[in-house]
Amino acid sequence: MHRSWPQARYRAQFVLGFRDALPALVATSIWGLVTGIAIVKSGISETLATLMTLWVYAGSAQLTSLPLIKEGVPLWLIFAAGLVVNIRFVIFGAALQPFFRHLSWPKRLGVGFFSTDIAFVLFMGRYGESRLRGEPRHLWYFLGVIVPGWITWNLCSIIGVYLAAAIPASWSLEFAAVLALLSVVIPLVSTRPVAVCILAAACVAWMGQGLPLRLGLAAAVVAGILAGVLSERFTKEVRQA
C-alpha cells in the first residue's frame, strides 16, 4: 500500500496544481451547470444527457451539437461541428507533447481526454519555459489541475441536468457563465503577449459570429495563438536590441 502512494514531492505538485486551479473551478462549475441545463432544454432525456456529460466532456462541443441534434442533421455533420470547435486541442496537444511523450500511449490518451483549456493555460504558465521536459512533477501538477476540474464539471453538469425542469429560462444563466469565465481569464492577462492573444481572439470571434459550424471560434483560437506567438517573438527581439 505504501509503495503505491506517491512521494511527498509529487503529492505537493498535485496540491499545487489544485491550488492554482481552484479559482477556475468556480467558472467550471457554473459553465457545467449551464451546459447540463441546456442539454435537457434541447429535448434530450436526462439519462442521455448524463451519459453525454460523462463521455463527451467538452462543453463547447456539446453546446454546438445541441441545435444540430434538435434539427436532425446527419451524424457526420454533428461530428464535423464538434471537430471544428475542438480543433484547438490539436495545438494544445502539440505544445504539451514534449512534457508527456515519455508516457505510454494509453496514459497519453487519458491525459488528452481530461485536458481542458484552463489546464493548458495554467500548466504552460508555470512550466512552459522549463528546460527539462517530461519530469514526474509535470504530470502530477497537471493531474492536480485536471482531476478536480473533471469532478467539478461533471458534478455540476449532472446537477444542471436534473434541475433543468425547475429553472426558468428568464434566469439567463448563460450570461452568468460568461461572466464567470471572464473572471478567470482577466487575471491571466499579466504580460503583453497574453493581452495581444486575448484581444486578437476576441476580435476574430466577434467578426466570425455568423460563420457556420462555429468556425468563428476555431478561427479565433488560431488567430489568438498566432498573435501571442508573434507578440512574444517581437518582445524578445526588442529586449535583445
Foldseek 3Di string as FASTA:
>chain_A
DVVPDDDPLLVVLLVVLLVVQVLVLVLLLLLLLVLLLVQVVLPDALVVSLVCCLPQVDSVLSVLLSVVVSVVHDPVLSVVLSCLLPVLLVVLCVLQCQQAVVDDVVVSVVLSRLDDPVLSLVLCVVCVPPPDHNDSSSVSSSCSNRVVSSVSSSVSNSVSNVCSVVDDCVVVSVVVSVVSVCVVLVVSPPDPLSVQLVVQLVVQLVVCVPPPSSNSNSVSSVRSVVSSVVVVVVVVVVVVD
